[in-house]
Amino acid sequence: MLSTLAAGAAHAQTGLARDNGCLVCHSVQRKVVGPAFEDVARRYAGDDGAVERLTQRVLRGSVGQWGTQAMPANVGTSPDEARILAAWVLTLGR
Protein backbone atom coordinates (compact mmCIF):
# COMPACT_ATOMS: atom_id res chain seq x y z
CA MET A 1 0.00 0.00 0.00
CA LEU A 2 2.78 2.45 0.91
CA SER A 3 4.61 1.83 -2.38
CA THR A 4 1.36 2.50 -4.27
CA LEU A 5 0.98 5.82 -2.45
CA ALA A 6 4.62 6.72 -3.13
CA ALA A 7 4.21 5.90 -6.82
CA GLY A 8 1.07 8.04 -6.97
CA ALA A 9 2.84 10.96 -5.30
CA ALA A 10 5.80 10.67 -7.69
CA HIS A 11 3.43 10.65 -10.66
CA ALA A 12 1.67 13.75 -9.31
CA GLN A 13 5.01 15.59 -8.93
CA THR A 14 6.06 14.59 -12.45
CA GLY A 15 2.78 16.06 -13.66
CA LEU A 16 3.44 19.27 -11.75
CA ALA A 17 6.93 19.45 -13.27
CA ARG A 18 5.46 18.92 -16.74
CA ASP A 19 2.69 21.48 -16.20
CA ASN A 20 5.23 24.09 -15.05
CA GLY A 21 7.56 23.54 -18.00
CA CYS A 22 10.38 21.96 -16.00
CA LEU A 23 10.58 18.94 -18.27
CA VAL A 24 11.35 21.11 -21.28
CA CYS A 25 14.90 21.56 -19.96
CA HIS A 26 15.23 18.80 -17.34
CA SER A 27 14.74 15.07 -17.05
CA VAL A 28 14.78 12.88 -13.98
CA GLN A 29 17.71 10.73 -15.08
CA ARG A 30 19.64 12.56 -17.80
CA LYS A 31 20.95 16.02 -18.56
CA VAL A 32 18.92 17.84 -21.21
CA VAL A 33 19.55 21.61 -21.22
CA GLY A 34 19.69 21.68 -17.45
CA PRO A 35 20.96 18.98 -15.10
CA ALA A 36 19.11 15.75 -14.40
CA PHE A 37 16.96 16.02 -11.30
CA GLU A 38 18.82 13.02 -9.84
CA ASP A 39 22.10 14.95 -10.18
CA VAL A 40 20.57 17.96 -8.44
CA ALA A 41 19.39 15.72 -5.60
CA ARG A 42 22.84 14.16 -5.20
CA ARG A 43 24.55 17.57 -5.17
CA TYR A 44 22.30 18.85 -2.39
CA ALA A 45 22.04 15.66 -0.32
CA GLY A 46 22.42 16.51 3.35
CA ASP A 47 22.02 20.26 2.77
CA ASP A 48 19.37 21.44 5.24
CA GLY A 49 18.78 24.65 3.27
CA ALA A 50 18.40 22.96 -0.10
CA VAL A 51 14.59 23.08 -0.36
CA GLU A 52 14.50 26.83 0.18
CA ARG A 53 17.52 27.47 -2.05
CA LEU A 54 16.06 25.42 -4.91
CA THR A 55 12.62 26.95 -4.40
CA GLN A 56 14.14 30.40 -4.94
CA ARG A 57 16.04 29.21 -8.03
CA VAL A 58 12.82 27.87 -9.52
CA LEU A 59 11.04 31.16 -8.84
CA ARG A 60 13.84 33.62 -9.68
CA GLY A 61 16.02 31.61 -12.05
CA SER A 62 19.76 31.19 -11.76
CA VAL A 63 22.99 31.12 -13.71
CA GLY A 64 26.37 29.57 -13.01
CA GLN A 65 25.15 26.74 -10.80
CA TRP A 66 25.57 24.06 -13.51
CA GLY A 67 27.75 25.75 -16.09
CA THR A 68 26.98 28.81 -18.16
CA GLN A 69 23.41 27.93 -19.20
CA ALA A 70 20.93 30.17 -17.39
CA MET A 71 17.72 28.88 -15.88
CA PRO A 72 14.99 31.48 -16.41
CA ALA A 73 12.64 32.58 -13.68
CA ASN A 74 9.42 30.58 -13.67
CA VAL A 75 6.93 33.41 -13.32
CA GLY A 76 3.92 31.11 -13.76
CA THR A 77 4.95 28.86 -10.87
CA SER A 78 3.55 29.71 -7.45
CA PRO A 79 5.81 29.66 -4.39
CA ASP A 80 3.93 26.62 -3.07
CA GLU A 81 4.38 24.76 -6.37
CA ALA A 82 8.07 25.69 -6.45
CA ARG A 83 8.54 24.35 -2.92
CA ILE A 84 6.75 21.09 -3.78
CA LEU A 85 8.91 20.69 -6.89
CA ALA A 86 12.14 21.43 -5.01
CA ALA A 87 11.29 18.95 -2.25
CA TRP A 88 10.38 16.29 -4.83
CA VAL A 89 13.59 16.77 -6.84
CA LEU A 90 15.60 16.34 -3.66
CA THR A 91 14.08 12.88 -3.11
CA LEU A 92 15.30 11.59 -6.49
CA GLY A 93 19.01 11.05 -5.86
CA ARG A 94 18.58 8.15 -3.47
PDB file of N, CA and C in Angstrom:
ATOM      1  N   MET A   1       0.817  -1.199   0.000  1.00  0.00           N
ATOM      2  CA  MET A   1       0.000   0.000   0.000  1.00  0.00           C
ATOM      3  C   MET A   1       0.862   1.265   0.000  1.00  0.00           C
ATOM      4  N   LEU A   2       1.910   1.280   0.836  1.00  0.00           N
ATOM      5  CA  LEU A   2       2.779   2.445   0.906  1.00  0.00           C
ATOM      6  C   LEU A   2       3.480   2.698  -0.422  1.00  0.00           C
ATOM      7  N   SER A   3       3.946   1.643  -1.090  1.00  0.00           N
ATOM      8  CA  SER A   3       4.611   1.827  -2.377  1.00  0.00           C
ATOM      9  C   SER A   3       3.639   2.354  -3.423  1.00  0.00           C
ATOM     10  N   THR A   4       2.376   1.979  -3.353  1.00  0.00           N
ATOM     11  CA  THR A   4       1.364   2.500  -4.270  1.00  0.00           C
ATOM     12  C   THR A   4       1.165   3.990  -4.032  1.00  0.00           C
ATOM     13  N   LEU A   5       1.116   4.395  -2.775  1.00  0.00           N
ATOM     14  CA  LEU A   5       0.983   5.819  -2.451  1.00  0.00           C
ATOM     15  C   LEU A   5       2.200   6.602  -2.911  1.00  0.00           C
ATOM     16  N   ALA A   6       3.388   6.053  -2.702  1.00  0.00           N
ATOM     17  CA  ALA A   6       4.619   6.724  -3.127  1.00  0.00           C
ATOM     18  C   ALA A   6       4.650   6.862  -4.641  1.00  0.00           C
ATOM     19  N   ALA A   7       4.240   5.836  -5.353  1.00  0.00           N
ATOM     20  CA  ALA A   7       4.213   5.901  -6.816  1.00  0.00           C
ATOM     21  C   ALA A   7       3.214   6.947  -7.279  1.00  0.00           C
ATOM     22  N   GLY A   8       2.068   7.025  -6.620  1.00  0.00           N
ATOM     23  CA  GLY A   8       1.072   8.042  -6.968  1.00  0.00           C
ATOM     24  C   GLY A   8       1.586   9.447  -6.718  1.00  0.00           C
ATOM     25  N   ALA A   9       2.281   9.637  -5.615  1.00  0.00           N
ATOM     26  CA  ALA A   9       2.844  10.956  -5.303  1.00  0.00           C
ATOM     27  C   ALA A   9       3.916  11.341  -6.321  1.00  0.00           C
ATOM     28  N   ALA A  10       4.758  10.383  -6.699  1.00  0.00           N
ATOM     29  CA  ALA A  10       5.798  10.666  -7.694  1.00  0.00           C
ATOM     30  C   ALA A  10       5.178  11.033  -9.031  1.00  0.00           C
ATOM     31  N   HIS A  11       4.115  10.336  -9.401  1.00  0.00           N
ATOM     32  CA  HIS A  11       3.431  10.649 -10.656  1.00  0.00           C
ATOM     33  C   HIS A  11       2.834  12.053 -10.601  1.00  0.00           C
ATOM     34  N   ALA A  12       2.252  12.418  -9.470  1.00  0.00           N
ATOM     35  CA  ALA A  12       1.675  13.753  -9.312  1.00  0.00           C
ATOM     36  C   ALA A  12       2.747  14.826  -9.440  1.00  0.00           C
ATOM     37  N   GLN A  13       3.932  14.599  -8.852  1.00  0.00           N
ATOM     38  CA  GLN A  13       5.008  15.589  -8.932  1.00  0.00           C
ATOM     39  C   GLN A  13       5.551  15.685 -10.355  1.00  0.00           C
ATOM     40  N   THR A  14       5.625  14.560 -11.051  1.00  0.00           N
ATOM     41  CA  THR A  14       6.058  14.590 -12.446  1.00  0.00           C
ATOM     42  C   THR A  14       5.071  15.415 -13.260  1.00  0.00           C
ATOM     43  N   GLY A  15       3.797  15.263 -12.982  1.00  0.00           N
ATOM     44  CA  GLY A  15       2.775  16.063 -13.663  1.00  0.00           C
ATOM     45  C   GLY A  15       2.934  17.545 -13.362  1.00  0.00           C
ATOM     46  N   LEU A  16       3.221  17.874 -12.129  1.00  0.00           N
ATOM     47  CA  LEU A  16       3.442  19.268 -11.747  1.00  0.00           C
ATOM     48  C   LEU A  16       4.669  19.825 -12.465  1.00  0.00           C
ATOM     49  N   ALA A  17       5.725  19.020 -12.555  1.00  0.00           N
ATOM     50  CA  ALA A  17       6.929  19.447 -13.275  1.00  0.00           C
ATOM     51  C   ALA A  17       6.616  19.661 -14.752  1.00  0.00           C
ATOM     52  N   ARG A  18       5.846  18.771 -15.332  1.00  0.00           N
ATOM     53  CA  ARG A  18       5.461  18.918 -16.745  1.00  0.00           C
ATOM     54  C   ARG A  18       4.602  20.172 -16.928  1.00  0.00           C
ATOM     55  N   ASP A  19       3.606  20.354 -16.074  1.00  0.00           N
ATOM     56  CA  ASP A  19       2.688  21.484 -16.197  1.00  0.00           C
ATOM     57  C   ASP A  19       3.383  22.825 -16.022  1.00  0.00           C
ATOM     58  N   ASN A  20       4.492  22.848 -15.281  1.00  0.00           N
ATOM     59  CA  ASN A  20       5.225  24.092 -15.047  1.00  0.00           C
ATOM     60  C   ASN A  20       6.407  24.264 -15.994  1.00  0.00           C
ATOM     61  N   GLY A  21       6.523  23.393 -16.981  1.00  0.00           N
ATOM     62  CA  GLY A  21       7.559  23.537 -17.998  1.00  0.00           C
ATOM     63  C   GLY A  21       8.933  23.044 -17.611  1.00  0.00           C
ATOM     64  N   CYS A  22       9.067  22.429 -16.456  1.00  0.00           N
ATOM     65  CA  CYS A  22      10.379  21.965 -15.996  1.00  0.00           C
ATOM     66  C   CYS A  22      10.973  20.908 -16.926  1.00  0.00           C
ATOM     67  N   LEU A  23      10.100  20.058 -17.473  1.00  0.00           N
ATOM     68  CA  LEU A  23      10.577  18.936 -18.272  1.00  0.00           C
ATOM     69  C   LEU A  23      10.971  19.339 -19.690  1.00  0.00           C
ATOM     70  N   VAL A  24      10.836  20.616 -20.010  1.00  0.00           N
ATOM     71  CA  VAL A  24      11.352  21.110 -21.284  1.00  0.00           C
ATOM     72  C   VAL A  24      12.881  21.108 -21.247  1.00  0.00           C
ATOM     73  N   CYS A  25      13.448  21.450 -20.102  1.00  0.00           N
ATOM     74  CA  CYS A  25      14.903  21.564 -19.961  1.00  0.00           C
ATOM     75  C   CYS A  25      15.527  20.502 -19.055  1.00  0.00           C
ATOM     76  N   HIS A  26      14.719  19.787 -18.295  1.00  0.00           N
ATOM     77  CA  HIS A  26      15.226  18.800 -17.341  1.00  0.00           C
ATOM     78  C   HIS A  26      14.570  17.450 -17.570  1.00  0.00           C
ATOM     79  N   SER A  27      15.251  16.434 -17.087  1.00  0.00           N
ATOM     80  CA  SER A  27      14.735  15.067 -17.054  1.00  0.00           C
ATOM     81  C   SER A  27      15.110  14.511 -15.688  1.00  0.00           C
ATOM     82  N   VAL A  28      14.445  13.472 -15.275  1.00  0.00           N
ATOM     83  CA  VAL A  28      14.778  12.879 -13.984  1.00  0.00           C
ATOM     84  C   VAL A  28      16.168  12.265 -14.017  1.00  0.00           C
ATOM     85  N   GLN A  29      16.488  11.530 -15.081  1.00  0.00           N
ATOM     86  CA  GLN A  29      17.707  10.729 -15.081  1.00  0.00           C
ATOM     87  C   GLN A  29      18.827  11.216 -15.984  1.00  0.00           C
ATOM     88  N   ARG A  30      18.570  12.146 -16.889  1.00  0.00           N
ATOM     89  CA  ARG A  30      19.644  12.560 -17.797  1.00  0.00           C
ATOM     90  C   ARG A  30      19.631  14.064 -17.999  1.00  0.00           C
ATOM     91  N   LYS A  31      20.805  14.598 -18.267  1.00  0.00           N
ATOM     92  CA  LYS A  31      20.947  16.021 -18.557  1.00  0.00           C
ATOM     93  C   LYS A  31      20.271  16.306 -19.897  1.00  0.00           C
ATOM     94  N   VAL A  32      19.509  17.362 -19.953  1.00  0.00           N
ATOM     95  CA  VAL A  32      18.921  17.843 -21.209  1.00  0.00           C
ATOM     96  C   VAL A  32      19.599  19.187 -21.440  1.00  0.00           C
ATOM     97  N   VAL A  33      18.912  20.298 -21.231  1.00  0.00           N
ATOM     98  CA  VAL A  33      19.550  21.613 -21.221  1.00  0.00           C
ATOM     99  C   VAL A  33      20.113  21.851 -19.823  1.00  0.00           C
ATOM    100  N   GLY A  34      19.280  21.574 -18.839  1.00  0.00           N
ATOM    101  CA  GLY A  34      19.691  21.677 -17.445  1.00  0.00           C
ATOM    102  C   GLY A  34      20.047  20.300 -16.909  1.00  0.00           C
ATOM    103  N   PRO A  35      20.526  20.249 -15.683  1.00  0.00           N
ATOM    104  CA  PRO A  35      20.961  18.980 -15.099  1.00  0.00           C
ATOM    105  C   PRO A  35      19.796  18.030 -14.856  1.00  0.00           C
ATOM    106  N   ALA A  36      20.102  16.747 -14.795  1.00  0.00           N
ATOM    107  CA  ALA A  36      19.105  15.748 -14.400  1.00  0.00           C
ATOM    108  C   ALA A  36      18.698  16.017 -12.954  1.00  0.00           C
ATOM    109  N   PHE A  37      17.433  15.813 -12.667  1.00  0.00           N
ATOM    110  CA  PHE A  37      16.962  16.018 -11.298  1.00  0.00           C
ATOM    111  C   PHE A  37      17.709  15.118 -10.314  1.00  0.00           C
ATOM    112  N   GLU A  38      18.068  13.909 -10.732  1.00  0.00           N
ATOM    113  CA  GLU A  38      18.824  13.024  -9.842  1.00  0.00           C
ATOM    114  C   GLU A  38      20.182  13.628  -9.497  1.00  0.00           C
ATOM    115  N   ASP A  39      20.816  14.306 -10.450  1.00  0.00           N
ATOM    116  CA  ASP A  39      22.104  14.954 -10.180  1.00  0.00           C
ATOM    117  C   ASP A  39      21.936  16.119  -9.212  1.00  0.00           C
ATOM    118  N   VAL A  40      20.855  16.863  -9.360  1.00  0.00           N
ATOM    119  CA  VAL A  40      20.569  17.962  -8.436  1.00  0.00           C
ATOM    120  C   VAL A  40      20.398  17.395  -7.025  1.00  0.00           C
ATOM    121  N   ALA A  41      19.627  16.330  -6.916  1.00  0.00           N
ATOM    122  CA  ALA A  41      19.389  15.716  -5.601  1.00  0.00           C
ATOM    123  C   ALA A  41      20.690  15.246  -4.960  1.00  0.00           C
ATOM    124  N   ARG A  42      21.554  14.633  -5.755  1.00  0.00           N
ATOM    125  CA  ARG A  42      22.835  14.160  -5.202  1.00  0.00           C
ATOM    126  C   ARG A  42      23.709  15.339  -4.754  1.00  0.00           C
ATOM    127  N   ARG A  43      23.717  16.415  -5.534  1.00  0.00           N
ATOM    128  CA  ARG A  43      24.548  17.570  -5.170  1.00  0.00           C
ATOM    129  C   ARG A  43      24.109  18.160  -3.835  1.00  0.00           C
ATOM    130  N   TYR A  44      22.817  18.195  -3.581  1.00  0.00           N
ATOM    131  CA  TYR A  44      22.299  18.854  -2.385  1.00  0.00           C
ATOM    132  C   TYR A  44      21.946  17.892  -1.248  1.00  0.00           C
ATOM    133  N   ALA A  45      22.303  16.633  -1.380  1.00  0.00           N
ATOM    134  CA  ALA A  45      22.037  15.659  -0.318  1.00  0.00           C
ATOM    135  C   ALA A  45      22.675  16.129   0.986  1.00  0.00           C
ATOM    136  N   GLY A  46      21.909  16.110   2.045  1.00  0.00           N
ATOM    137  CA  GLY A  46      22.418  16.510   3.352  1.00  0.00           C
ATOM    138  C   GLY A  46      22.451  18.009   3.597  1.00  0.00           C
ATOM    139  N   ASP A  47      22.038  18.803   2.629  1.00  0.00           N
ATOM    140  CA  ASP A  47      22.023  20.262   2.766  1.00  0.00           C
ATOM    141  C   ASP A  47      20.662  20.680   3.324  1.00  0.00           C
ATOM    142  N   ASP A  48      20.638  21.086   4.581  1.00  0.00           N
ATOM    143  CA  ASP A  48      19.372  21.436   5.239  1.00  0.00           C
ATOM    144  C   ASP A  48      18.667  22.628   4.602  1.00  0.00           C
ATOM    145  N   GLY A  49      19.388  23.478   3.906  1.00  0.00           N
ATOM    146  CA  GLY A  49      18.776  24.647   3.274  1.00  0.00           C
ATOM    147  C   GLY A  49      18.430  24.447   1.811  1.00  0.00           C
ATOM    148  N   ALA A  50      18.558  23.218   1.340  1.00  0.00           N
ATOM    149  CA  ALA A  50      18.396  22.959  -0.099  1.00  0.00           C
ATOM    150  C   ALA A  50      16.989  23.230  -0.608  1.00  0.00           C
ATOM    151  N   VAL A  51      15.957  22.865   0.137  1.00  0.00           N
ATOM    152  CA  VAL A  51      14.588  23.083  -0.359  1.00  0.00           C
ATOM    153  C   VAL A  51      14.356  24.565  -0.596  1.00  0.00           C
ATOM    154  N   GLU A  52      14.724  25.389   0.347  1.00  0.00           N
ATOM    155  CA  GLU A  52      14.497  26.834   0.182  1.00  0.00           C
ATOM    156  C   GLU A  52      15.362  27.404  -0.932  1.00  0.00           C
ATOM    157  N   ARG A  53      16.613  26.983  -1.000  1.00  0.00           N
ATOM    158  CA  ARG A  53      17.520  27.472  -2.047  1.00  0.00           C
ATOM    159  C   ARG A  53      16.993  27.100  -3.438  1.00  0.00           C
ATOM    160  N   LEU A  54      16.579  25.853  -3.604  1.00  0.00           N
ATOM    161  CA  LEU A  54      16.064  25.420  -4.905  1.00  0.00           C
ATOM    162  C   LEU A  54      14.711  26.055  -5.215  1.00  0.00           C
ATOM    163  N   THR A  55      13.897  26.263  -4.199  1.00  0.00           N
ATOM    164  CA  THR A  55      12.621  26.954  -4.401  1.00  0.00           C
ATOM    165  C   THR A  55      12.866  28.335  -4.993  1.00  0.00           C
ATOM    166  N   GLN A  56      13.826  29.054  -4.435  1.00  0.00           N
ATOM    167  CA  GLN A  56      14.135  30.397  -4.942  1.00  0.00           C
ATOM    168  C   GLN A  56      14.710  30.351  -6.353  1.00  0.00           C
ATOM    169  N   ARG A  57      15.480  29.334  -6.662  1.00  0.00           N
ATOM    170  CA  ARG A  57      16.035  29.211  -8.025  1.00  0.00           C
ATOM    171  C   ARG A  57      14.934  28.916  -9.029  1.00  0.00           C
ATOM    172  N   VAL A  58      13.960  28.118  -8.632  1.00  0.00           N
ATOM    173  CA  VAL A  58      12.819  27.868  -9.523  1.00  0.00           C
ATOM    174  C   VAL A  58      12.073  29.172  -9.768  1.00  0.00           C
ATOM    175  N   LEU A  59      11.828  29.929  -8.724  1.00  0.00           N
ATOM    176  CA  LEU A  59      11.042  31.159  -8.839  1.00  0.00           C
ATOM    177  C   LEU A  59      11.797  32.283  -9.539  1.00  0.00           C
ATOM    178  N   ARG A  60      13.059  32.467  -9.190  1.00  0.00           N
ATOM    179  CA  ARG A  60      13.836  33.619  -9.679  1.00  0.00           C
ATOM    180  C   ARG A  60      14.783  33.306 -10.831  1.00  0.00           C
ATOM    181  N   GLY A  61      15.033  32.006 -11.052  1.00  0.00           N
ATOM    182  CA  GLY A  61      16.018  31.611 -12.050  1.00  0.00           C
ATOM    183  C   GLY A  61      17.409  31.625 -11.448  1.00  0.00           C
ATOM    184  N   SER A  62      18.380  31.196 -12.236  1.00  0.00           N
ATOM    185  CA  SER A  62      19.759  31.191 -11.763  1.00  0.00           C
ATOM    186  C   SER A  62      20.697  31.030 -12.947  1.00  0.00           C
ATOM    187  N   VAL A  63      21.948  31.332 -12.705  1.00  0.00           N
ATOM    188  CA  VAL A  63      22.990  31.120 -13.714  1.00  0.00           C
ATOM    189  C   VAL A  63      24.281  30.782 -12.978  1.00  0.00           C
ATOM    190  N   GLY A  64      25.067  29.903 -13.582  1.00  0.00           N
ATOM    191  CA  GLY A  64      26.367  29.572 -13.005  1.00  0.00           C
ATOM    192  C   GLY A  64      26.357  28.428 -12.018  1.00  0.00           C
ATOM    193  N   GLN A  65      25.204  27.851 -11.743  1.00  0.00           N
ATOM    194  CA  GLN A  65      25.146  26.739 -10.801  1.00  0.00           C
ATOM    195  C   GLN A  65      25.573  25.423 -11.451  1.00  0.00           C
ATOM    196  N   TRP A  66      25.294  25.289 -12.759  1.00  0.00           N
ATOM    197  CA  TRP A  66      25.565  24.058 -13.509  1.00  0.00           C
ATOM    198  C   TRP A  66      26.202  24.408 -14.841  1.00  0.00           C
ATOM    199  N   GLY A  67      27.127  25.312 -14.843  1.00  0.00           N
ATOM    200  CA  GLY A  67      27.751  25.751 -16.086  1.00  0.00           C
ATOM    201  C   GLY A  67      27.248  27.134 -16.463  1.00  0.00           C
ATOM    202  N   THR A  68      27.328  27.449 -17.730  1.00  0.00           N
ATOM    203  CA  THR A  68      26.980  28.807 -18.163  1.00  0.00           C
ATOM    204  C   THR A  68      25.528  28.962 -18.587  1.00  0.00           C
ATOM    205  N   GLN A  69      24.812  27.864 -18.778  1.00  0.00           N
ATOM    206  CA  GLN A  69      23.413  27.934 -19.199  1.00  0.00           C
ATOM    207  C   GLN A  69      22.557  28.508 -18.076  1.00  0.00           C
ATOM    208  N   ALA A  70      21.794  29.554 -18.381  1.00  0.00           N
ATOM    209  CA  ALA A  70      20.926  30.170 -17.387  1.00  0.00           C
ATOM    210  C   ALA A  70      19.604  29.427 -17.278  1.00  0.00           C
ATOM    211  N   MET A  71      19.072  29.384 -16.082  1.00  0.00           N
ATOM    212  CA  MET A  71      17.715  28.885 -15.876  1.00  0.00           C
ATOM    213  C   MET A  71      16.840  30.114 -15.686  1.00  0.00           C
ATOM    214  N   PRO A  72      15.839  30.291 -16.543  1.00  0.00           N
ATOM    215  CA  PRO A  72      14.990  31.482 -16.414  1.00  0.00           C
ATOM    216  C   PRO A  72      14.077  31.393 -15.198  1.00  0.00           C
ATOM    217  N   ALA A  73      13.631  32.542 -14.753  1.00  0.00           N
ATOM    218  CA  ALA A  73      12.637  32.582 -13.684  1.00  0.00           C
ATOM    219  C   ALA A  73      11.355  31.928 -14.189  1.00  0.00           C
ATOM    220  N   ASN A  74      10.686  31.238 -13.321  1.00  0.00           N
ATOM    221  CA  ASN A  74       9.425  30.580 -13.671  1.00  0.00           C
ATOM    222  C   ASN A  74       8.272  31.393 -13.103  1.00  0.00           C
ATOM    223  N   VAL A  75       7.911  32.442 -13.822  1.00  0.00           N
ATOM    224  CA  VAL A  75       6.933  33.406 -13.319  1.00  0.00           C
ATOM    225  C   VAL A  75       5.533  32.821 -13.170  1.00  0.00           C
ATOM    226  N   GLY A  76       5.231  31.734 -13.865  1.00  0.00           N
ATOM    227  CA  GLY A  76       3.918  31.115 -13.757  1.00  0.00           C
ATOM    228  C   GLY A  76       3.822  30.078 -12.651  1.00  0.00           C
ATOM    229  N   THR A  77       4.909  29.849 -11.947  1.00  0.00           N
ATOM    230  CA  THR A  77       4.946  28.863 -10.869  1.00  0.00           C
ATOM    231  C   THR A  77       4.744  29.576  -9.541  1.00  0.00           C
ATOM    232  N   SER A  78       3.799  29.089  -8.755  1.00  0.00           N
ATOM    233  CA  SER A  78       3.553  29.707  -7.446  1.00  0.00           C
ATOM    234  C   SER A  78       4.649  29.290  -6.467  1.00  0.00           C
ATOM    235  N   PRO A  79       4.836  30.061  -5.405  1.00  0.00           N
ATOM    236  CA  PRO A  79       5.814  29.657  -4.388  1.00  0.00           C
ATOM    237  C   PRO A  79       5.531  28.272  -3.803  1.00  0.00           C
ATOM    238  N   ASP A  80       4.261  27.941  -3.594  1.00  0.00           N
ATOM    239  CA  ASP A  80       3.929  26.615  -3.073  1.00  0.00           C
ATOM    240  C   ASP A  80       4.303  25.525  -4.072  1.00  0.00           C
ATOM    241  N   GLU A  81       4.010  25.736  -5.350  1.00  0.00           N
ATOM    242  CA  GLU A  81       4.382  24.755  -6.370  1.00  0.00           C
ATOM    243  C   GLU A  81       5.900  24.608  -6.448  1.00  0.00           C
ATOM    244  N   ALA A  82       6.613  25.727  -6.391  1.00  0.00           N
ATOM    245  CA  ALA A  82       8.075  25.687  -6.452  1.00  0.00           C
ATOM    246  C   ALA A  82       8.647  24.895  -5.281  1.00  0.00           C
ATOM    247  N   ARG A  83       8.070  25.071  -4.110  1.00  0.00           N
ATOM    248  CA  ARG A  83       8.542  24.350  -2.917  1.00  0.00           C
ATOM    249  C   ARG A  83       8.254  22.850  -3.051  1.00  0.00           C
ATOM    250  N   ILE A  84       7.094  22.498  -3.562  1.00  0.00           N
ATOM    251  CA  ILE A  84       6.755  21.088  -3.783  1.00  0.00           C
ATOM    252  C   ILE A  84       7.721  20.473  -4.781  1.00  0.00           C
ATOM    253  N   LEU A  85       7.987  21.184  -5.867  1.00  0.00           N
ATOM    254  CA  LEU A  85       8.909  20.685  -6.889  1.00  0.00           C
ATOM    255  C   LEU A  85      10.320  20.518  -6.332  1.00  0.00           C
ATOM    256  N   ALA A  86      10.788  21.508  -5.583  1.00  0.00           N
ATOM    257  CA  ALA A  86      12.140  21.429  -5.012  1.00  0.00           C
ATOM    258  C   ALA A  86      12.251  20.244  -4.064  1.00  0.00           C
ATOM    259  N   ALA A  87      11.263  20.072  -3.201  1.00  0.00           N
ATOM    260  CA  ALA A  87      11.290  18.952  -2.249  1.00  0.00           C
ATOM    261  C   ALA A  87      11.255  17.616  -2.985  1.00  0.00           C
ATOM    262  N   TRP A  88      10.452  17.524  -4.041  1.00  0.00           N
ATOM    263  CA  TRP A  88      10.378  16.289  -4.831  1.00  0.00           C
ATOM    264  C   TRP A  88      11.711  15.983  -5.505  1.00  0.00           C
ATOM    265  N   VAL A  89      12.294  16.978  -6.152  1.00  0.00           N
ATOM    266  CA  VAL A  89      13.589  16.770  -6.839  1.00  0.00           C
ATOM    267  C   VAL A  89      14.612  16.228  -5.856  1.00  0.00           C
ATOM    268  N   LEU A  90      14.614  16.756  -4.644  1.00  0.00           N
ATOM    269  CA  LEU A  90      15.598  16.337  -3.659  1.00  0.00           C
ATOM    270  C   LEU A  90      15.420  14.892  -3.197  1.00  0.00           C
ATOM    271  N   THR A  91      14.291  14.289  -3.476  1.00  0.00           N
ATOM    272  CA  THR A  91      14.080  12.878  -3.113  1.00  0.00           C
ATOM    273  C   THR A  91      14.618  11.929  -4.187  1.00  0.00           C
ATOM    274  N   LEU A  92      15.006  12.432  -5.330  1.00  0.00           N
ATOM    275  CA  LEU A  92      15.301  11.589  -6.491  1.00  0.00           C
ATOM    276  C   LEU A  92      16.716  11.035  -6.551  1.00  0.00           C
ATOM    277  N   GLY A  93      17.628  11.498  -5.768  1.00  0.00           N
ATOM    278  CA  GLY A  93      19.009  11.047  -5.862  1.00  0.00           C
ATOM    279  C   GLY A  93      19.339   9.852  -4.996  1.00  0.00           C
ATOM    280  N   ARG A  94      18.361   9.268  -4.401  1.00  0.00           N
ATOM    281  CA  ARG A  94      18.582   8.153  -3.471  1.00  0.00           C
ATOM    282  C   ARG A  94      18.731   6.855  -4.175  1.00  0.00           C
TER     283      ARG A  94
END
